[in-house]
């Protein structure tokens, strides 16, 4: 059952008071919620300053990385050069060993052969 209120009927003062009180409570809750959200918001100036600081840190990291990359390339080039020098040294050592041991051995074999050829006649 619903009671119809004639259009000319005005609310009582008590109803107006309750409505205003309810609006006031709703407004307080909304303002408290908004204040809680505003605590998490920063100004544009602070945001821009933070972005600039972040970009500077990223730039410093990129510069350091470029320096490390250059150092790495230099170290790799020195290692490659050292490897080539070591290979050349190893080849020279092999030639020295060959000439130090094989050449006298061949001369001895040649002398023995000449001695045997001389006595065979």
N, C-alpha and C. Protein backbone atom coordinates (compact mmCIF):
# COMPACT_ATOMS: atom_id res chain seq x y z
N UNK A 1 0.82 -1.16 0.00
CA UNK A 1 0.00 0.00 0.00
C UNK A 1 0.87 1.24 0.00
N UNK A 2 0.62 2.09 -0.89
CA UNK A 2 1.38 3.34 -0.91
C UNK A 2 0.43 4.49 -0.66
N UNK A 3 0.96 5.41 0.05
CA UNK A 3 0.15 6.57 0.37
C UNK A 3 0.56 7.66 -0.60
N UNK A 4 -0.40 8.22 -1.25
CA UNK A 4 -0.08 9.28 -2.20
C UNK A 4 -0.15 10.61 -1.49
N UNK A 5 0.81 11.42 -1.84
CA UNK A 5 0.90 12.74 -1.23
C UNK A 5 0.40 13.73 -2.26
N UNK A 6 -0.50 14.58 -1.86
CA UNK A 6 -0.98 15.56 -2.83
C UNK A 6 0.15 16.49 -3.26
N UNK A 7 0.16 16.97 -4.50
CA UNK A 7 1.25 17.80 -5.01
C UNK A 7 1.42 19.08 -4.23
N UNK A 8 0.45 19.55 -3.59
CA UNK A 8 0.57 20.81 -2.88
C UNK A 8 1.15 20.62 -1.48
N UNK A 9 1.30 19.36 -1.05
CA UNK A 9 1.80 19.10 0.29
C UNK A 9 3.28 19.41 0.36
N UNK A 10 3.69 20.14 1.33
CA UNK A 10 5.09 20.49 1.52
C UNK A 10 5.66 19.63 2.63
N UNK A 11 6.99 19.37 2.58
CA UNK A 11 7.59 18.54 3.64
C UNK A 11 7.61 19.31 4.95
N UNK A 12 7.60 18.55 5.98
CA UNK A 12 7.62 19.18 7.30
C UNK A 12 9.05 19.64 7.60
N UNK A 13 9.19 20.43 8.63
CA UNK A 13 10.51 20.90 9.01
C UNK A 13 11.41 19.74 9.45
N UNK A 14 10.80 18.76 10.10
CA UNK A 14 11.56 17.60 10.54
C UNK A 14 12.10 16.83 9.34
N UNK A 15 11.32 16.66 8.30
CA UNK A 15 11.76 15.97 7.09
C UNK A 15 12.87 16.75 6.40
N UNK A 16 12.72 18.07 6.37
CA UNK A 16 13.78 18.91 5.79
C UNK A 16 15.07 18.79 6.60
N UNK A 17 14.93 18.77 7.91
CA UNK A 17 16.09 18.64 8.78
C UNK A 17 16.80 17.31 8.54
N UNK A 18 16.04 16.22 8.44
CA UNK A 18 16.61 14.90 8.16
C UNK A 18 17.29 14.87 6.80
N UNK A 19 16.67 15.46 5.80
CA UNK A 19 17.24 15.48 4.45
C UNK A 19 18.55 16.26 4.44
N UNK A 20 18.57 17.43 5.10
CA UNK A 20 19.79 18.24 5.16
C UNK A 20 20.87 17.50 5.95
N UNK A 21 20.50 16.85 7.04
CA UNK A 21 21.47 16.08 7.82
C UNK A 21 22.05 14.94 7.00
N UNK A 22 21.20 14.27 6.26
CA UNK A 22 21.68 13.18 5.41
C UNK A 22 22.63 13.70 4.34
N UNK A 23 22.29 14.83 3.73
CA UNK A 23 23.16 15.45 2.73
C UNK A 23 24.50 15.83 3.34
N UNK A 24 24.44 16.38 4.57
CA UNK A 24 25.68 16.77 5.25
C UNK A 24 26.55 15.55 5.52
N UNK A 25 25.98 14.43 5.96
CA UNK A 25 26.74 13.21 6.21
C UNK A 25 27.32 12.65 4.91
N UNK A 26 26.52 12.66 3.85
CA UNK A 26 27.01 12.21 2.56
C UNK A 26 28.18 13.07 2.08
N UNK A 27 28.06 14.37 2.26
CA UNK A 27 29.10 15.30 1.85
C UNK A 27 30.37 15.08 2.66
N UNK A 28 30.23 14.85 3.98
CA UNK A 28 31.39 14.57 4.82
C UNK A 28 32.11 13.30 4.35
N UNK A 29 31.36 12.26 4.07
CA UNK A 29 31.96 11.02 3.59
C UNK A 29 32.67 11.22 2.26
N UNK A 30 32.02 11.95 1.34
CA UNK A 30 32.64 12.20 0.04
C UNK A 30 33.90 13.04 0.18
N UNK A 31 33.86 14.05 1.07
CA UNK A 31 35.04 14.88 1.28
C UNK A 31 36.17 14.09 1.93
N UNK A 32 35.84 13.21 2.85
CA UNK A 32 36.87 12.37 3.47
C UNK A 32 37.50 11.44 2.43
N UNK A 33 36.67 10.88 1.57
CA UNK A 33 37.17 10.02 0.50
C UNK A 33 38.06 10.81 -0.45
N UNK A 34 37.64 12.01 -0.81
CA UNK A 34 38.42 12.87 -1.70
C UNK A 34 39.74 13.28 -1.05
N UNK A 35 39.70 13.59 0.24
CA UNK A 35 40.93 13.96 0.94
C UNK A 35 41.91 12.78 0.97
N UNK A 36 41.38 11.57 1.16
CA UNK A 36 42.24 10.39 1.15
C UNK A 36 42.89 10.20 -0.22
N UNK A 37 42.15 10.46 -1.27
CA UNK A 37 42.71 10.33 -2.62
C UNK A 37 43.70 11.45 -2.92
N UNK A 38 43.44 12.65 -2.40
CA UNK A 38 44.34 13.77 -2.64
C UNK A 38 45.69 13.58 -1.95
N UNK A 39 45.72 12.78 -0.87
CA UNK A 39 46.99 12.50 -0.21
C UNK A 39 47.93 11.72 -1.12
N UNK A 40 47.38 11.04 -2.09
CA UNK A 40 48.18 10.24 -3.01
C UNK A 40 48.54 10.99 -4.29
N UNK A 41 48.05 12.19 -4.46
CA UNK A 41 48.27 12.96 -5.68
C UNK A 41 49.41 13.94 -5.44
N UNK A 42 50.26 14.12 -6.46
CA UNK A 42 51.34 15.11 -6.37
C UNK A 42 51.07 16.22 -7.38
N UNK A 43 51.71 17.34 -7.16
CA UNK A 43 51.51 18.46 -8.09
C UNK A 43 52.30 18.20 -9.37
N UNK A 44 51.97 18.95 -10.40
CA UNK A 44 52.68 18.79 -11.67
C UNK A 44 54.14 19.15 -11.53
N UNK A 45 54.45 20.16 -10.73
CA UNK A 45 55.85 20.55 -10.53
C UNK A 45 56.65 19.41 -9.91
N UNK A 46 56.09 18.78 -8.90
CA UNK A 46 56.77 17.66 -8.26
C UNK A 46 56.92 16.50 -9.24
N UNK A 47 55.87 16.23 -10.01
CA UNK A 47 55.92 15.15 -10.98
C UNK A 47 56.98 15.42 -12.04
N UNK A 48 57.02 16.65 -12.55
CA UNK A 48 58.02 16.99 -13.58
C UNK A 48 59.44 16.90 -13.01
N UNK A 49 59.61 17.37 -11.78
CA UNK A 49 60.94 17.28 -11.16
C UNK A 49 61.36 15.82 -11.00
N UNK A 50 60.42 14.98 -10.61
CA UNK A 50 60.71 13.56 -10.48
C UNK A 50 61.06 12.95 -11.84
N UNK A 51 60.35 13.34 -12.87
CA UNK A 51 60.64 12.83 -14.21
C UNK A 51 62.02 13.28 -14.68
N UNK A 52 62.37 14.56 -14.41
CA UNK A 52 63.70 15.05 -14.79
C UNK A 52 64.79 14.28 -14.05
N UNK A 53 64.58 14.04 -12.77
CA UNK A 53 65.57 13.27 -11.99
C UNK A 53 65.71 11.86 -12.54
N UNK A 54 64.59 11.25 -12.90
CA UNK A 54 64.62 9.91 -13.48
C UNK A 54 65.36 9.92 -14.81
N UNK A 55 65.11 10.91 -15.65
CA UNK A 55 65.80 11.00 -16.94
C UNK A 55 67.29 11.23 -16.74
N UNK A 56 67.66 12.01 -15.73
CA UNK A 56 69.09 12.21 -15.46
C UNK A 56 69.75 10.93 -15.00
N UNK A 57 69.06 10.18 -14.15
CA UNK A 57 69.63 8.90 -13.70
C UNK A 57 69.76 7.93 -14.86
N UNK A 58 68.77 7.89 -15.73
CA UNK A 58 68.84 7.01 -16.90
C UNK A 58 69.98 7.45 -17.81
N UNK A 59 70.15 8.76 -18.00
CA UNK A 59 71.25 9.27 -18.81
C UNK A 59 72.60 8.90 -18.23
N UNK A 60 72.72 8.99 -16.90
CA UNK A 60 73.98 8.61 -16.25
C UNK A 60 74.26 7.13 -16.42
N UNK A 61 73.22 6.32 -16.30
CA UNK A 61 73.39 4.87 -16.48
C UNK A 61 73.78 4.56 -17.93
N UNK A 62 73.15 5.25 -18.88
CA UNK A 62 73.50 5.02 -20.29
C UNK A 62 74.93 5.44 -20.57
N UNK A 63 75.37 6.56 -19.99
CA UNK A 63 76.75 7.00 -20.19
C UNK A 63 77.73 6.01 -19.58
N UNK A 64 77.41 5.53 -18.39
CA UNK A 64 78.28 4.53 -17.75
C UNK A 64 78.31 3.25 -18.57
N UNK A 65 77.17 2.87 -19.10
CA UNK A 65 77.11 1.67 -19.93
C UNK A 65 77.94 1.83 -21.20
N UNK A 66 77.87 3.01 -21.80
CA UNK A 66 78.68 3.26 -23.00
C UNK A 66 80.17 3.20 -22.66
N UNK A 67 80.54 3.75 -21.50
CA UNK A 67 81.94 3.67 -21.07
C UNK A 67 82.37 2.23 -20.84
N UNK A 68 81.52 1.46 -20.19
CA UNK A 68 81.85 0.04 -19.97
C UNK A 68 81.94 -0.72 -21.28
N UNK A 69 81.06 -0.38 -22.22
CA UNK A 69 81.10 -1.04 -23.51
C UNK A 69 82.42 -0.73 -24.23
N UNK A 70 82.86 0.54 -24.13
CA UNK A 70 84.14 0.92 -24.73
C UNK A 70 85.30 0.19 -24.08
N UNK A 71 85.27 0.11 -22.75
CA UNK A 71 86.32 -0.62 -22.03
C UNK A 71 86.32 -2.09 -22.42
N UNK A 72 85.14 -2.66 -22.54
CA UNK A 72 85.03 -4.06 -22.93
C UNK A 72 85.63 -4.28 -24.32
N UNK A 73 85.33 -3.38 -25.23
CA UNK A 73 85.88 -3.51 -26.58
C UNK A 73 87.40 -3.41 -26.56
N UNK A 74 87.94 -2.50 -25.74
CA UNK A 74 89.40 -2.38 -25.65
C UNK A 74 90.01 -3.64 -25.06
N UNK A 75 89.39 -4.18 -24.00
CA UNK A 75 89.91 -5.40 -23.39
C UNK A 75 89.84 -6.56 -24.38
N UNK A 76 88.75 -6.65 -25.11
CA UNK A 76 88.60 -7.72 -26.09
C UNK A 76 89.65 -7.58 -27.19
N UNK A 77 89.92 -6.36 -27.63
CA UNK A 77 90.93 -6.14 -28.67
C UNK A 77 92.32 -6.50 -28.15
N UNK A 78 92.61 -6.11 -26.89
CA UNK A 78 93.92 -6.47 -26.31
C UNK A 78 94.04 -7.99 -26.17
N UNK A 79 92.97 -8.65 -25.77
CA UNK A 79 93.01 -10.11 -25.63
C UNK A 79 93.24 -10.76 -26.99
N UNK A 80 92.59 -10.24 -28.02
CA UNK A 80 92.78 -10.79 -29.37
C UNK A 80 94.22 -10.57 -29.84
N UNK A 81 94.75 -9.39 -29.56
CA UNK A 81 96.12 -9.09 -29.95
C UNK A 81 97.08 -10.00 -29.18
N UNK A 82 96.82 -10.21 -27.89
CA UNK A 82 97.66 -11.10 -27.09
C UNK A 82 97.59 -12.53 -27.62
N UNK A 83 96.39 -12.95 -28.04
CA UNK A 83 96.25 -14.30 -28.60
C UNK A 83 97.09 -14.45 -29.86
N UNK A 84 97.04 -13.41 -30.74
CA UNK A 84 97.84 -13.47 -31.96
C UNK A 84 99.34 -13.51 -31.64
N UNK A 85 99.75 -12.69 -30.65
CA UNK A 85 101.16 -12.70 -30.26
C UNK A 85 101.57 -14.05 -29.69
N UNK A 86 100.69 -14.65 -28.89
CA UNK A 86 100.98 -15.98 -28.33
C UNK A 86 101.09 -17.02 -29.42
N UNK A 87 100.23 -16.95 -30.43
CA UNK A 87 100.31 -17.89 -31.55
C UNK A 87 101.62 -17.71 -32.32
N UNK A 88 102.01 -16.45 -32.52
CA UNK A 88 103.27 -16.18 -33.22
C UNK A 88 104.44 -16.70 -32.40
N UNK A 89 104.38 -16.49 -31.09
CA UNK A 89 105.45 -16.98 -30.21
C UNK A 89 105.51 -18.50 -30.24
N UNK A 90 104.35 -19.16 -30.23
CA UNK A 90 104.31 -20.62 -30.28
C UNK A 90 104.89 -21.12 -31.60
N UNK A 91 104.59 -20.46 -32.70
CA UNK A 91 105.14 -20.86 -34.00
C UNK A 91 106.65 -20.67 -34.01
N UNK A 92 107.13 -19.57 -33.43
CA UNK A 92 108.58 -19.34 -33.37
C UNK A 92 109.25 -20.39 -32.50
N UNK A 93 108.61 -20.77 -31.41
CA UNK A 93 109.16 -21.80 -30.53
C UNK A 93 109.22 -23.14 -31.26
N UNK A 94 108.19 -23.46 -32.02
CA UNK A 94 108.20 -24.71 -32.79
C UNK A 94 109.34 -24.72 -33.81
N UNK A 95 109.53 -23.59 -34.49
CA UNK A 95 110.63 -23.51 -35.46
C UNK A 95 111.98 -23.66 -34.76
N UNK A 96 112.12 -23.05 -33.59
CA UNK A 96 113.36 -23.15 -32.83
C UNK A 96 113.62 -24.58 -32.40
N UNK A 97 112.57 -25.24 -31.91
CA UNK A 97 112.72 -26.64 -31.49
C UNK A 97 113.09 -27.49 -32.68
N UNK A 98 112.46 -27.25 -33.79
CA UNK A 98 112.76 -28.03 -35.00
C UNK A 98 114.20 -27.81 -35.43
N UNK A 99 114.60 -26.57 -35.46
CA UNK A 99 115.97 -26.30 -35.91
C UNK A 99 117.00 -26.72 -34.87
N UNK A 100 116.66 -26.71 -33.58
CA UNK A 100 117.62 -27.07 -32.53
C UNK A 100 117.83 -28.58 -32.44
N UNK A 101 116.81 -29.36 -32.67
CA UNK A 101 116.93 -30.80 -32.49
C UNK A 101 116.99 -31.57 -33.81
N UNK A 102 116.21 -31.18 -34.76
CA UNK A 102 116.15 -31.94 -36.01
C UNK A 102 117.38 -31.66 -36.88
N UNK A 103 117.80 -30.42 -36.98
CA UNK A 103 118.94 -30.10 -37.83
C UNK A 103 120.21 -30.81 -37.34
N UNK A 104 120.56 -30.79 -36.04
CA UNK A 104 121.76 -31.54 -35.62
C UNK A 104 121.61 -33.03 -35.85
N UNK A 105 120.42 -33.53 -35.66
CA UNK A 105 120.18 -34.96 -35.89
C UNK A 105 120.42 -35.30 -37.36
N UNK A 106 119.94 -34.46 -38.25
CA UNK A 106 120.17 -34.69 -39.67
C UNK A 106 121.65 -34.60 -40.02
N UNK A 107 122.36 -33.65 -39.42
CA UNK A 107 123.80 -33.54 -39.66
C UNK A 107 124.54 -34.77 -39.17
N UNK A 108 124.12 -35.31 -38.02
CA UNK A 108 124.76 -36.50 -37.49
C UNK A 108 124.51 -37.69 -38.41
N UNK A 109 123.27 -37.81 -38.88
CA UNK A 109 122.94 -38.90 -39.81
C UNK A 109 123.77 -38.75 -41.09
N UNK A 110 123.91 -37.52 -41.58
CA UNK A 110 124.71 -37.27 -42.79
C UNK A 110 126.16 -37.62 -42.55
N UNK A 111 126.70 -37.27 -41.37
CA UNK A 111 128.09 -37.61 -41.06
C UNK A 111 128.28 -39.11 -40.96
N UNK A 112 127.33 -39.78 -40.33
CA UNK A 112 127.42 -41.25 -40.24
C UNK A 112 127.37 -41.89 -41.62
N UNK A 113 126.53 -41.36 -42.44
CA UNK A 113 126.42 -41.90 -43.80
C UNK A 113 127.72 -41.67 -44.57
N UNK A 114 128.27 -40.45 -44.42
CA UNK A 114 129.54 -40.15 -45.10
C UNK A 114 130.67 -41.03 -44.56
N UNK A 115 130.67 -41.27 -43.26
CA UNK A 115 131.70 -42.12 -42.67
C UNK A 115 131.56 -43.55 -43.20
N UNK A 116 130.32 -44.02 -43.27
CA UNK A 116 130.12 -45.39 -43.79
C UNK A 116 130.44 -45.46 -45.27
N UNK A 117 130.24 -44.41 -45.98
CA UNK A 117 130.54 -44.40 -47.42
C UNK A 117 132.07 -44.35 -47.61
N UNK A 118 132.72 -43.65 -46.75
CA UNK A 118 134.18 -43.54 -46.86
C UNK A 118 134.88 -44.84 -46.54
N UNK A 119 134.38 -45.60 -45.59
CA UNK A 119 135.00 -46.86 -45.21
C UNK A 119 134.59 -47.98 -46.12
N UNK A 120 133.49 -47.81 -46.83
CA UNK A 120 133.01 -48.87 -47.71
C UNK A 120 133.87 -48.92 -48.96
N UNK A 121 134.59 -47.95 -49.32
CA UNK A 121 135.40 -47.96 -50.55
C UNK A 121 136.69 -48.55 -50.36
